[in-house]
Amino acid sequence: MKVILVDDERLALDYLERQLAKLAMDINIIGKYTDPLEGRREIIARQADIVFLDINLPELNGIELAEQILEQKLDTQVVFVTAYDEYAVKAFELNALDYIVKPIQAERLAKTMARIKASLDTRSDEAAGSDPEYTRINMFRQVSVEMKEGRQSLLQWRTTRAQELFLYLLQHRGQLVRKSTLAEMFWPEYEHDKVYSQLYTTVYHIRKTLKPFGSRIQIVNTTEGYMMSLDQISLDTEEWEAKLAVLPHASGDSIDDYIDVMKMYAGDYLQEYDYWWAESERQRLKNLWLEASYVIAGWYRDQALWDKAISGYQHVCALYPLEEESHFALMKIYASLNNSAMVEIQYNALETALREELNLRPSSPILDWYEAWKKSEVTAEKQAQPGSF
């Protein structure tokens, strides 16, 4: 195993080198550096299996350096060395396999190296078991990764913050997202000197989680911020929107194509996640779904295929009870079918939903139509009574 050591204290470097030499392992220390900038250049230029990295480095935060290393050296294992005790380390949200505490204990170092060796030994097997030919990230409802069609798995995140930051960068893929923006969004409660350590730690964990994808998911680190790019990876949201965009006008020949495309919409965008920043994209995709749903139901209505039209509008009402257009369409259909009871039921359902959720009444066009319909019903009843003229 090729190893590089980085620590601004020469004595600490020498001590760690001696401890590693005592282990009954094939370890080759190919570099020791007290200057973190020099260490970064050498780590990127050379092929090291493991880097031992002090967290508290001058000029460059050790955690930031670690995520910069992983940006270009996906297979390099980073072990943090820190003078903090284990309780303090938890504040960095570091994985327990990623750090050792000074003064370095031989037993702990041996266990760490044994785990890393096992990881290196199985790395090629894991790579062989993956299928780079097909990868899709599903964003509708709950995030999952589909490595083979029909087989989905969830990404395992070290922290919920890492998951959210990954999804935020994914939503803004291809765009530079400033570090200052991320710091203010995700850690508003932290002091300025601590917030960036949290950011670098989180990006570091994201890179580790994304290792199996290799260069197909890249997070580029610039001075100002981060930019995510995808290569040979599709998103279900993009696939769905692309297929929706090329659908022809609804007709007897195309209506089945509409239905097939709409089946891809498995739920709202990031529906299971309460992220305020996702709301605008969620609403945009939802509006596209609503437009297509109304096209389908409207075509059935125009063809007098009442059962299918009713089913389509009812589906919208069930998912989005505040959608007035679907309620209104059903009221009109029931009225045309002389089903007064269902008109009343549909109006009451809309009126109740709006009142309970928004403390509002139905919009003026619906109120005007409903009042006119009720008057016509009363008139029809009077005319139907015996002796009426």
Protein backbone atom coordinates (compact mmCIF):
# COMPACT_ATOMS: atom_id res chain seq x y z
CA MET A 1 0.00 0.00 0.00
CA LYS A 2 1.42 3.36 -1.08
CA VAL A 3 1.02 5.96 1.67
CA ILE A 4 1.48 9.75 1.90
CA LEU A 5 1.59 11.63 5.21
CA VAL A 6 0.65 15.31 5.67
CA ASP A 7 1.10 17.11 9.01
CA ASP A 8 2.53 20.54 9.75
CA GLU A 9 4.48 19.07 12.69
CA ARG A 10 7.65 17.24 11.64
CA LEU A 11 7.75 15.24 14.87
CA ALA A 12 4.20 14.03 14.29
CA LEU A 13 5.11 12.90 10.79
CA ASP A 14 8.14 10.97 11.98
CA TYR A 15 6.18 9.36 14.80
CA LEU A 16 3.39 8.21 12.46
CA GLU A 17 5.98 6.83 10.03
CA ARG A 18 7.55 4.75 12.82
CA GLN A 19 4.16 3.45 13.94
CA LEU A 20 3.28 2.38 10.40
CA ALA A 21 6.64 0.66 10.01
CA LYS A 22 5.87 -1.54 13.02
CA LEU A 23 2.78 -3.02 11.37
CA ALA A 24 3.06 -6.41 9.72
CA MET A 25 1.87 -5.05 6.39
CA ASP A 26 3.37 -4.17 3.04
CA ILE A 27 3.40 -0.39 3.46
CA ASN A 28 5.43 1.97 1.28
CA ILE A 29 5.52 5.59 2.45
CA ILE A 30 6.11 7.53 -0.75
CA GLY A 31 5.93 11.05 0.72
CA LYS A 32 5.85 13.14 3.91
CA TYR A 33 4.90 16.80 3.84
CA THR A 34 4.58 19.59 6.39
CA ASP A 35 3.34 22.06 3.74
CA PRO A 36 -0.28 21.20 2.85
CA LEU A 37 -0.08 22.94 -0.53
CA GLU A 38 2.98 20.94 -1.49
CA GLY A 39 1.30 17.83 -0.13
CA ARG A 40 -1.76 18.44 -2.30
CA ARG A 41 0.37 18.80 -5.44
CA GLU A 42 2.20 15.55 -4.74
CA ILE A 43 -0.93 13.60 -3.81
CA ILE A 44 -2.61 14.63 -7.05
CA ALA A 45 0.51 13.94 -9.11
CA ARG A 46 1.29 10.54 -7.59
CA GLN A 47 -0.68 7.31 -7.15
CA ALA A 48 -1.20 6.93 -3.41
CA ASP A 49 -3.57 4.37 -1.94
CA ILE A 50 -3.84 6.10 1.46
CA VAL A 51 -3.30 9.66 2.70
CA PHE A 52 -2.94 10.40 6.41
CA LEU A 53 -4.04 13.99 6.81
CA ASP A 54 -3.93 16.27 9.84
CA ILE A 55 -7.18 18.19 10.22
CA ASN A 56 -5.59 21.36 11.61
CA LEU A 57 -3.27 22.59 8.89
CA PRO A 58 -2.02 26.12 8.22
CA GLU A 59 -3.24 27.91 5.09
CA LEU A 60 -5.66 25.13 4.17
CA ASN A 61 -8.33 23.36 6.20
CA GLY A 62 -7.56 19.64 6.32
CA ILE A 63 -11.14 18.65 5.51
CA GLU A 64 -11.23 20.99 2.52
CA LEU A 65 -7.95 19.47 1.35
CA ALA A 66 -9.46 15.99 1.69
CA GLU A 67 -12.43 16.77 -0.52
CA GLN A 68 -10.13 18.42 -3.06
CA ILE A 69 -8.10 15.20 -3.13
CA LEU A 70 -11.22 13.09 -3.67
CA GLU A 71 -12.29 15.41 -6.48
CA GLN A 72 -9.36 14.18 -8.57
CA LYS A 73 -8.39 10.93 -6.82
CA LEU A 74 -11.60 9.02 -6.33
CA ASP A 75 -9.88 5.82 -5.17
CA THR A 76 -7.58 7.41 -2.60
CA GLN A 77 -8.44 6.55 1.01
CA VAL A 78 -8.15 9.52 3.40
CA VAL A 79 -7.52 9.01 7.11
CA PHE A 80 -7.80 12.12 9.28
CA VAL A 81 -5.36 12.56 12.13
CA THR A 82 -6.56 14.88 14.89
CA ALA A 83 -5.59 15.94 18.37
CA TYR A 84 -9.27 16.21 19.30
CA ASP A 85 -10.84 13.47 21.38
CA GLU A 86 -13.61 11.36 19.89
CA TYR A 87 -16.39 13.58 21.24
CA ALA A 88 -14.91 16.59 19.47
CA VAL A 89 -14.45 14.60 16.28
CA LYS A 90 -18.18 13.90 16.17
CA ALA A 91 -18.71 17.62 15.76
CA PHE A 92 -16.95 17.29 12.40
CA GLU A 93 -19.45 14.58 11.43
CA LEU A 94 -16.59 12.32 10.38
CA ASN A 95 -17.12 8.66 9.66
CA ALA A 96 -15.57 6.50 12.42
CA LEU A 97 -13.45 4.68 9.83
CA ASP A 98 -11.85 7.93 8.69
CA TYR A 99 -9.90 9.20 11.66
CA ILE A 100 -7.38 8.37 14.35
CA VAL A 101 -6.72 10.47 17.42
CA LYS A 102 -3.35 11.76 18.63
CA PRO A 103 -1.39 10.41 20.36
CA ILE A 104 -1.73 7.55 17.89
CA GLN A 105 -2.26 4.18 19.52
CA ALA A 106 -0.67 1.20 17.76
CA GLU A 107 -3.75 -0.98 18.23
CA ARG A 108 -6.11 1.61 16.75
CA LEU A 109 -3.75 2.26 13.83
CA ALA A 110 -3.53 -1.48 13.09
CA LYS A 111 -7.33 -1.80 13.01
CA THR A 112 -7.65 1.22 10.74
CA MET A 113 -5.08 -0.13 8.30
CA ALA A 114 -6.68 -3.57 8.32
CA ARG A 115 -10.05 -2.07 7.40
CA ILE A 116 -8.52 0.01 4.63
CA LYS A 117 -6.64 -3.01 3.24
CA ALA A 118 -9.88 -4.98 3.17
CA SER A 119 -11.56 -2.09 1.36
CA LEU A 120 -8.77 -1.90 -1.22
CA ASP A 121 -8.87 -5.65 -1.77
CA THR A 122 -12.61 -5.65 -2.50
CA ARG A 123 -12.66 -2.45 -4.54
CA SER A 124 -12.05 -4.16 -7.87
CA ASP A 125 -14.79 -6.70 -7.14
CA GLU A 126 -17.27 -3.95 -6.41
CA ALA A 127 -16.35 -2.16 -9.62
CA ALA A 128 -16.81 -5.37 -11.58
CA GLY A 129 -20.27 -5.85 -10.07
CA SER A 130 -21.56 -2.47 -11.20
CA ASP A 131 -23.18 -1.81 -14.56
CA PRO A 132 -21.88 1.45 -16.08
CA GLU A 133 -24.00 0.95 -19.18
CA TYR A 134 -27.21 2.10 -17.50
CA THR A 135 -27.67 4.42 -14.55
CA ARG A 136 -30.70 6.54 -13.79
CA ILE A 137 -31.40 8.70 -10.76
CA ASN A 138 -35.10 8.79 -9.95
CA MET A 139 -36.29 12.08 -8.51
CA PHE A 140 -40.05 11.59 -8.57
CA ARG A 141 -41.40 10.93 -5.07
CA GLN A 142 -38.29 9.41 -3.43
CA VAL A 143 -34.71 9.53 -4.65
CA SER A 144 -33.31 6.20 -5.79
CA VAL A 145 -30.66 4.93 -8.18
CA GLU A 146 -31.52 2.48 -10.91
CA MET A 147 -28.39 0.63 -12.01
CA LYS A 148 -30.32 -1.90 -14.06
CA GLU A 149 -33.81 -1.28 -15.36
CA GLY A 150 -36.34 -2.30 -12.75
CA ARG A 151 -33.79 -2.65 -9.94
CA GLN A 152 -33.54 0.36 -7.65
CA SER A 153 -31.49 1.13 -4.56
CA LEU A 154 -31.23 4.05 -2.16
CA LEU A 155 -28.05 6.04 -1.68
CA GLN A 156 -26.68 5.59 1.83
CA TRP A 157 -25.80 8.98 3.29
CA ARG A 158 -23.63 9.65 6.33
CA THR A 159 -25.85 12.59 7.34
CA THR A 160 -29.16 14.07 6.21
CA ARG A 161 -27.30 17.31 5.47
CA ALA A 162 -25.06 15.49 2.99
CA GLN A 163 -28.13 14.10 1.26
CA GLU A 164 -29.78 17.50 1.01
CA LEU A 165 -26.64 19.23 -0.27
CA PHE A 166 -26.19 16.52 -2.91
CA LEU A 167 -29.78 16.96 -4.11
CA TYR A 168 -29.41 20.75 -4.17
CA LEU A 169 -26.29 20.49 -6.34
CA LEU A 170 -28.06 17.92 -8.51
CA GLN A 171 -31.01 20.25 -9.04
CA HIS A 172 -28.57 23.00 -10.04
CA ARG A 173 -26.35 20.72 -12.13
CA GLY A 174 -24.31 22.55 -14.73
CA GLN A 175 -24.42 25.75 -12.68
CA LEU A 176 -21.83 27.23 -10.35
CA VAL A 177 -23.24 27.30 -6.82
CA ARG A 178 -21.33 29.68 -4.59
CA LYS A 179 -19.88 28.39 -1.32
CA SER A 180 -21.16 31.50 0.46
CA THR A 181 -24.69 30.68 -0.71
CA LEU A 182 -24.42 27.11 0.56
CA ALA A 183 -23.02 28.25 3.90
CA GLU A 184 -25.90 30.67 4.46
CA MET A 185 -28.54 28.16 3.34
CA PHE A 186 -27.43 25.05 5.17
CA TRP A 187 -25.60 26.36 8.26
CA PRO A 188 -27.10 29.75 9.15
CA GLU A 189 -26.61 29.04 12.87
CA TYR A 190 -22.83 28.54 12.62
CA GLU A 191 -20.15 31.15 13.13
CA HIS A 192 -18.28 32.18 10.00
CA ASP A 193 -15.02 30.46 10.95
CA LYS A 194 -16.80 27.14 11.56
CA VAL A 195 -19.34 27.06 8.78
CA TYR A 196 -16.84 26.29 6.02
CA SER A 197 -15.48 23.31 7.93
CA GLN A 198 -19.02 21.94 7.93
CA LEU A 199 -19.35 22.60 4.20
CA TYR A 200 -16.05 20.90 3.34
CA THR A 201 -16.88 17.94 5.58
CA THR A 202 -20.26 17.49 3.93
CA VAL A 203 -18.87 17.68 0.39
CA TYR A 204 -16.18 15.20 1.44
CA HIS A 205 -18.86 12.72 2.52
CA ILE A 206 -20.81 13.31 -0.69
CA ARG A 207 -17.72 12.45 -2.72
CA LYS A 208 -17.26 9.25 -0.72
CA THR A 209 -20.88 8.22 -1.27
CA LEU A 210 -20.57 8.89 -4.98
CA LYS A 211 -17.35 6.92 -5.42
CA PRO A 212 -19.06 3.93 -7.11
CA PHE A 213 -20.17 6.23 -9.93
CA GLY A 214 -16.60 7.25 -10.75
CA SER A 215 -16.38 10.18 -13.14
CA ARG A 216 -20.04 9.89 -14.16
CA ILE A 217 -21.00 12.25 -11.31
CA GLN A 218 -18.45 15.01 -10.89
CA ILE A 219 -18.36 17.85 -8.38
CA VAL A 220 -15.87 20.48 -9.48
CA ASN A 221 -14.44 22.63 -6.70
CA THR A 222 -13.54 26.18 -7.64
CA THR A 223 -12.45 29.07 -5.46
CA GLU A 224 -15.97 30.51 -5.52
CA GLY A 225 -18.10 27.39 -5.37
CA TYR A 226 -19.06 23.96 -6.67
CA MET A 227 -20.45 22.70 -9.96
CA MET A 228 -21.99 19.25 -10.49
CA SER A 229 -22.03 17.54 -13.87
CA LEU A 230 -23.41 14.19 -15.03
CA ASP A 231 -21.99 11.90 -17.69
CA GLN A 232 -23.91 8.86 -18.98
CA ILE A 233 -26.43 9.23 -16.16
CA SER A 234 -30.05 10.09 -16.81
CA LEU A 235 -32.72 11.55 -14.54
CA ASP A 236 -36.29 10.30 -14.64
CA THR A 237 -37.53 13.90 -14.52
CA GLU A 238 -35.56 14.82 -17.64
CA GLU A 239 -36.65 11.66 -19.49
CA TRP A 240 -40.29 12.30 -18.62
CA GLU A 241 -40.21 15.96 -19.64
CA ALA A 242 -38.46 15.14 -22.94
CA LYS A 243 -41.04 12.51 -23.85
CA LEU A 244 -43.88 14.79 -22.84
CA ALA A 245 -42.55 17.60 -25.05
CA VAL A 246 -42.70 15.54 -28.26
CA LEU A 247 -46.22 14.19 -27.82
CA PRO A 248 -48.52 15.20 -30.73
CA HIS A 249 -52.00 16.62 -30.28
CA ALA A 250 -54.30 14.24 -28.45
CA SER A 251 -56.15 11.94 -30.81
CA GLY A 252 -57.32 8.39 -31.07
CA ASP A 253 -53.88 7.47 -32.38
CA SER A 254 -51.87 9.26 -29.68
CA ILE A 255 -53.97 9.01 -26.50
CA ASP A 256 -52.30 5.73 -25.47
CA ASP A 257 -48.90 7.40 -25.85
CA TYR A 258 -50.04 10.13 -23.47
CA ILE A 259 -51.10 7.53 -20.92
CA ASP A 260 -47.79 5.64 -21.18
CA VAL A 261 -45.76 8.82 -20.64
CA MET A 262 -47.89 9.86 -17.67
CA LYS A 263 -47.18 6.54 -15.96
CA MET A 264 -43.56 7.69 -15.57
CA TYR A 265 -44.70 10.41 -13.16
CA ALA A 266 -44.45 8.33 -9.99
CA GLY A 267 -45.15 11.25 -7.65
CA ASP A 268 -44.18 14.87 -7.22
CA TYR A 269 -40.55 15.92 -7.55
CA LEU A 270 -38.72 15.12 -4.27
CA GLN A 271 -42.14 14.56 -2.73
CA GLU A 272 -40.81 12.75 0.34
CA TYR A 273 -38.40 15.55 1.24
CA ASP A 274 -39.37 18.80 2.93
CA TYR A 275 -36.88 21.04 1.13
CA TRP A 276 -38.15 24.57 0.62
CA TRP A 277 -35.67 25.17 -2.21
CA ALA A 278 -37.21 22.29 -4.23
CA GLU A 279 -40.70 23.82 -4.26
CA SER A 280 -40.32 25.88 -7.45
CA GLU A 281 -39.11 22.89 -9.48
CA ARG A 282 -41.76 20.67 -7.88
CA GLN A 283 -44.46 23.13 -8.87
CA ARG A 284 -43.11 23.49 -12.42
CA LEU A 285 -43.17 19.73 -13.04
CA LYS A 286 -46.54 19.40 -11.33
CA ASN A 287 -47.99 22.03 -13.70
CA LEU A 288 -46.72 20.04 -16.69
CA TRP A 289 -48.41 16.94 -15.28
CA LEU A 290 -51.65 18.83 -14.73
CA GLU A 291 -51.63 20.21 -18.28
CA ALA A 292 -51.18 16.73 -19.74
CA SER A 293 -53.80 15.26 -17.40
CA TYR A 294 -56.33 17.84 -18.54
CA VAL A 295 -55.49 17.12 -22.17
CA ILE A 296 -56.21 13.41 -21.64
CA ALA A 297 -59.41 13.89 -19.63
CA GLY A 298 -60.58 16.64 -21.97
CA TRP A 299 -60.12 14.41 -25.02
CA TYR A 300 -62.21 11.66 -23.41
CA ARG A 301 -64.86 14.26 -22.54
CA ASP A 302 -64.97 15.57 -26.10
CA GLN A 303 -65.43 12.01 -27.36
CA ALA A 304 -68.31 11.51 -24.89
CA LEU A 305 -66.32 8.76 -23.18
CA TRP A 306 -67.77 9.86 -19.88
CA ASP A 307 -66.44 7.11 -17.59
CA LYS A 308 -62.84 7.68 -18.70
CA ALA A 309 -63.21 11.44 -18.56
CA ILE A 310 -64.64 11.28 -15.05
CA SER A 311 -61.89 8.89 -13.96
CA GLY A 312 -59.23 11.27 -15.29
CA TYR A 313 -60.59 14.33 -13.50
CA GLN A 314 -61.19 12.35 -10.30
CA HIS A 315 -57.55 11.26 -10.32
CA VAL A 316 -56.48 14.92 -10.35
CA CYS A 317 -58.89 15.73 -7.51
CA ALA A 318 -57.58 12.85 -5.43
CA LEU A 319 -53.95 13.97 -5.77
CA TYR A 320 -54.55 17.72 -5.65
CA PRO A 321 -57.86 18.49 -3.87
CA LEU A 322 -57.37 22.23 -4.32
CA GLU A 323 -57.29 22.05 -8.14
CA GLU A 324 -60.46 23.92 -9.02
CA GLU A 325 -60.31 23.11 -12.73
CA SER A 326 -60.75 19.38 -12.18
CA HIS A 327 -63.66 19.86 -9.78
CA PHE A 328 -65.32 22.30 -12.16
CA ALA A 329 -64.95 19.92 -15.11
CA LEU A 330 -66.60 17.13 -13.13
CA MET A 331 -69.46 19.39 -12.08
CA LYS A 332 -70.14 20.24 -15.72
CA ILE A 333 -69.99 16.60 -16.81
CA TYR A 334 -72.38 15.51 -14.06
CA ALA A 335 -74.72 18.36 -14.96
CA SER A 336 -74.73 17.30 -18.62
CA LEU A 337 -75.59 13.77 -17.49
CA ASN A 338 -78.45 15.13 -15.33
CA ASN A 339 -76.78 13.77 -12.19
CA SER A 340 -77.70 16.55 -9.77
CA ALA A 341 -76.59 14.66 -6.69
CA MET A 342 -73.02 14.31 -7.99
CA VAL A 343 -72.87 17.99 -8.94
CA GLU A 344 -73.69 18.85 -5.32
CA ILE A 345 -71.18 16.33 -3.97
CA GLN A 346 -68.41 17.65 -6.23
CA TYR A 347 -69.10 21.28 -5.35
CA ASN A 348 -69.18 20.52 -1.64
CA ALA A 349 -65.88 18.62 -1.90
CA LEU A 350 -64.21 21.65 -3.50
CA GLU A 351 -65.81 24.12 -1.12
CA THR A 352 -64.71 22.09 1.92
CA ALA A 353 -61.13 21.64 0.69
CA LEU A 354 -60.67 25.34 -0.02
CA ARG A 355 -62.23 26.41 3.27
CA GLU A 356 -60.23 24.00 5.44
CA GLU A 357 -56.87 24.46 3.71
CA LEU A 358 -56.92 28.10 2.60
CA ASN A 359 -59.99 29.64 4.23
CA LEU A 360 -61.23 30.59 0.76
CA ARG A 361 -64.36 30.12 -1.30
CA PRO A 362 -64.39 28.72 -4.85
CA SER A 363 -63.46 31.23 -7.56
CA SER A 364 -66.08 33.55 -9.06
CA PRO A 365 -66.61 31.62 -12.33
CA ILE A 366 -67.39 28.47 -10.37
CA LEU A 367 -69.67 30.29 -7.92
CA ASP A 368 -71.53 32.00 -10.78
CA TRP A 369 -71.94 28.71 -12.68
CA TYR A 370 -73.08 26.86 -9.56
CA GLU A 371 -75.68 29.50 -8.66
CA ALA A 372 -76.99 29.55 -12.24
CA TRP A 373 -77.16 25.76 -12.27
CA LYS A 374 -79.09 25.68 -8.97
CA LYS A 375 -81.60 28.20 -10.33
CA SER A 376 -82.07 26.13 -13.45
CA GLU A 377 -82.62 23.05 -11.28
CA VAL A 378 -85.27 24.85 -9.25
CA THR A 379 -86.97 26.06 -12.44
CA ALA A 380 -86.91 22.55 -13.91
CA GLU A 381 -88.48 21.13 -10.73
CA LYS A 382 -91.29 23.69 -10.79
CA GLN A 383 -91.97 22.99 -14.44
CA ALA A 384 -92.09 19.29 -13.73
CA GLN A 385 -94.77 19.70 -11.03
CA PRO A 386 -98.40 18.88 -11.96
CA GLY A 387 -100.35 21.92 -13.07
CA SER A 388 -97.26 24.01 -13.89
CA PHE A 389 -97.28 26.12 -17.08
